[in-house]
Protein backbone atom coordinates (compact mmCIF):
# COMPACT_ATOMS: atom_id res chain seq x y z
CA UNK A 1 8.43 -23.20 9.95
CA UNK A 2 6.32 -22.85 6.84
CA UNK A 3 6.93 -20.40 4.06
CA UNK A 4 4.09 -18.02 5.04
CA UNK A 5 5.33 -17.68 8.62
CA UNK A 6 8.89 -17.18 7.38
CA UNK A 7 7.75 -14.39 5.05
CA UNK A 8 5.82 -12.69 7.85
CA UNK A 9 8.77 -12.99 10.20
CA UNK A 10 11.18 -11.52 7.65
CA UNK A 11 8.80 -8.67 6.81
CA UNK A 12 8.22 -8.05 10.54
CA UNK A 13 11.98 -7.79 11.10
CA UNK A 14 12.26 -5.41 8.15
CA UNK A 15 9.38 -3.28 9.47
CA UNK A 16 10.95 -3.18 12.96
CA UNK A 17 14.21 -1.99 11.42
CA UNK A 18 12.41 0.60 9.26
CA UNK A 19 10.46 1.84 12.28
CA UNK A 20 13.64 2.19 14.33
CA UNK A 21 15.63 3.94 11.62
CA UNK A 22 12.80 6.24 10.54
CA UNK A 23 12.24 7.25 14.16
CA UNK A 24 15.90 7.97 14.84
CA UNK A 25 17.20 9.43 11.61
CA UNK A 26 14.39 11.02 9.63
CA UNK A 27 13.16 13.84 11.85
CA UNK A 28 11.89 17.36 11.37
CA UNK A 29 12.13 20.14 13.97
CA UNK A 30 8.87 21.76 15.05
CA UNK A 31 7.73 24.17 17.77
CA UNK A 32 6.49 21.22 19.87
CA UNK A 33 9.62 19.04 19.57
CA UNK A 34 11.03 16.98 16.76
CA UNK A 35 8.68 15.10 14.49
CA UNK A 36 9.69 11.75 13.02
CA UNK A 37 8.08 9.45 10.51
CA UNK A 38 8.43 6.31 12.63
CA UNK A 39 4.77 6.32 13.65
CA UNK A 40 3.82 5.88 10.00
CA UNK A 41 5.79 2.64 9.98
CA UNK A 42 4.17 1.63 13.27
CA UNK A 43 0.74 1.94 11.67
CA UNK A 44 1.76 0.30 8.40
CA UNK A 45 3.30 -2.63 10.31
CA UNK A 46 -0.04 -3.40 11.91
CA UNK A 47 -2.02 -3.06 8.71
CA UNK A 48 0.34 -5.23 6.68
CA UNK A 49 1.27 -7.93 9.16
CA UNK A 50 -1.82 -8.23 11.34
CA UNK A 51 -2.05 -7.68 15.07
CA UNK A 52 0.51 -10.23 16.30
CA UNK A 53 3.44 -9.73 13.93
CA UNK A 54 2.58 -6.08 13.27
CA UNK A 55 2.33 -5.27 16.97
CA UNK A 56 5.66 -6.98 17.63
CA UNK A 57 7.40 -5.19 14.75
CA UNK A 58 6.03 -1.78 15.75
CA UNK A 59 6.76 -2.17 19.44
CA UNK A 60 10.24 -3.62 19.05
CA UNK A 61 11.30 -1.14 16.37
CA UNK A 62 10.09 1.85 18.39
CA UNK A 63 11.62 0.52 21.61
CA UNK A 64 14.97 0.04 19.89
CA UNK A 65 14.84 3.65 18.70
CA UNK A 66 14.33 4.79 22.30
CA UNK A 67 17.15 2.59 23.58
CA UNK A 68 19.58 3.68 20.87
CA UNK A 69 18.65 7.36 21.22
CA UNK A 70 19.12 7.53 24.98
CA UNK A 71 15.43 7.54 26.01
CA UNK A 72 15.78 4.36 28.05
CA UNK A 73 13.20 5.44 30.64
CA UNK A 74 10.58 5.44 27.87
CA UNK A 75 11.63 2.17 26.18
CA UNK A 76 9.26 -0.25 27.90
CA UNK A 77 6.32 2.14 27.66
CA UNK A 78 7.11 2.72 24.00
CA UNK A 79 7.19 -1.02 23.34
CA UNK A 80 3.72 -1.42 24.85
CA UNK A 81 2.15 1.77 23.47
CA UNK A 82 3.39 1.34 19.89
CA UNK A 83 2.50 -2.36 19.87
CA UNK A 84 -1.03 -1.49 21.05
CA UNK A 85 -1.27 1.23 18.38
CA UNK A 86 -0.31 -1.25 15.65
CA UNK A 87 -2.68 -3.90 17.04
CA UNK A 88 -5.56 -1.41 17.17
CA UNK A 89 -4.79 -0.11 13.70
CA UNK A 90 -4.58 -3.66 12.37
CA UNK A 91 -7.92 -4.73 13.80
CA UNK A 92 -9.70 -1.59 12.58
CA UNK A 93 -8.08 -1.94 9.15
CA UNK A 94 -9.07 -5.61 8.85
CA UNK A 95 -12.64 -4.87 9.90
CA UNK A 96 -13.15 -1.93 7.55
CA UNK A 97 -11.34 -3.58 4.62
CA UNK A 98 -14.16 -6.10 4.38
CA UNK A 99 -16.60 -3.28 3.62
CA UNK A 100 -14.48 -0.91 1.53
CA UNK A 101 -13.17 -3.06 -1.30
CA UNK A 102 -13.06 -0.78 -4.33
CA UNK A 103 -9.80 0.88 -5.30
CA UNK A 104 -11.20 4.33 -4.60
CA UNK A 105 -12.47 3.46 -1.14
CA UNK A 106 -9.34 1.63 0.11
CA UNK A 107 -8.11 4.83 1.71
CA UNK A 108 -10.99 4.82 4.23
CA UNK A 109 -9.78 1.79 6.25
CA UNK A 110 -6.22 3.15 6.20
CA UNK A 111 -7.36 6.57 7.41
CA UNK A 112 -9.56 5.31 10.26
CA UNK A 113 -7.06 2.64 11.34
CA UNK A 114 -4.34 5.30 11.48
CA UNK A 115 -6.49 7.68 13.51
CA UNK A 116 -7.34 4.94 16.02
CA UNK A 117 -3.68 3.95 16.32
CA UNK A 118 -2.78 7.59 16.87
CA UNK A 119 -5.35 7.92 19.64
CA UNK A 120 -3.75 4.94 21.39
CA UNK A 121 -0.31 6.59 21.17
CA UNK A 122 -1.60 9.90 22.54
CA UNK A 123 -3.51 8.30 25.40
CA UNK A 124 -0.69 5.88 26.15
CA UNK A 125 1.94 8.57 26.55
CA UNK A 126 -0.47 10.78 28.49
CA UNK A 127 -1.04 7.99 31.01
CA UNK A 128 2.63 7.05 31.12
CA UNK A 129 3.93 10.59 31.57
CA UNK A 130 1.14 11.85 33.80
CA UNK A 131 0.67 8.94 36.14
CA UNK A 132 3.35 6.27 35.82
CA UNK A 133 6.56 8.33 35.79
CA UNK A 134 4.94 11.17 37.67
CA UNK A 135 5.38 14.19 35.41
CA UNK A 136 1.91 15.26 36.50
CA UNK A 137 -1.26 15.82 34.56
CA UNK A 138 -0.34 19.38 33.50
CA UNK A 139 2.94 18.31 31.89
CA UNK A 140 1.35 15.24 30.32
CA UNK A 141 -1.46 17.42 28.94
CA UNK A 142 1.11 19.69 27.31
CA UNK A 143 2.49 16.63 25.51
CA UNK A 144 -0.86 15.97 23.85
CA UNK A 145 -0.23 18.69 21.24
CA UNK A 146 3.09 17.14 20.29
CA UNK A 147 1.48 13.71 20.00
CA UNK A 148 -1.33 15.05 17.81
CA UNK A 149 1.17 16.66 15.44
CA UNK A 150 3.20 13.43 15.46
CA UNK A 151 0.02 11.45 14.71
CA UNK A 152 -0.79 13.65 11.73
CA UNK A 153 2.62 12.83 10.22
CA UNK A 154 2.04 9.12 10.91
CA UNK A 155 -1.41 9.21 9.29
CA UNK A 156 -0.10 11.01 6.20
CA UNK A 157 2.79 8.58 5.81
CA UNK A 158 0.57 5.51 6.23
CA UNK A 159 -1.87 6.88 3.62
CA UNK A 160 1.05 7.37 1.22
CA UNK A 161 2.85 4.08 1.93
CA UNK A 162 -0.02 1.60 2.08
CA UNK A 163 -1.14 1.87 -1.58
CA UNK A 164 2.48 1.60 -2.69
CA UNK A 165 3.20 -1.42 -0.50
CA UNK A 166 -0.07 -3.08 -1.52
CA UNK A 167 1.25 -3.21 -5.09
CA UNK A 168 3.95 -5.67 -3.97
CA UNK A 169 2.68 -9.23 -4.46
CA UNK A 170 4.25 -10.60 -1.26
CA UNK A 171 2.77 -7.82 0.88
CA UNK A 172 -0.63 -8.05 -0.79
CA UNK A 173 -0.81 -11.83 -0.29
CA UNK A 174 -0.05 -11.51 3.44
CA UNK A 175 -2.66 -8.77 3.84
CA UNK A 176 -5.35 -10.73 1.97
CA UNK A 177 -4.70 -13.80 4.13
CA UNK A 178 -4.91 -11.69 7.30
CA UNK A 179 -8.26 -10.20 6.32
CA UNK A 180 -9.76 -13.51 5.16
CA UNK A 181 -8.51 -15.41 8.18
CA UNK A 182 -9.71 -12.72 10.61
CA UNK A 183 -6.42 -13.10 12.45
CA UNK A 184 -6.91 -12.38 16.13
CA UNK A 185 -4.63 -11.95 19.10
């Protein structure tokens, strides 16, 4: 295993752990349920690590949070939904980063990638709750508000974290390679 792959694997493991812990421990009560900052780490994982490693880190970290918190019936869906959110965010981020290169405009790819990842999460849980586990469309529709609020927290956190993480040479070098290489699934 070469040094670049080892770095990505280590960072992916760290991001999975951060996603799990931030989902389980750092939570805020709200009228629509509890809000956690784990989705911010889901989005950041995709943007930093690319679709493959980022999707794996986001999905595994979120799934572990479900398993360890007693939401086992959601674990597999969470793995898939959060991985898809990170993959989508990664691809949008990589695409837009080629066009918005100045320091002032770097926020644009982060913002749009985060929104797209959030849409995947909202749609994914709507489909899972409404059709797969049979809560019904009415109950699944009620969950959309919670997911939108959750997405807003994820977007805010990713906008805050990405510029900070991009200052780290190891993170920046991985991100630059991902964008230049046009890493695909």
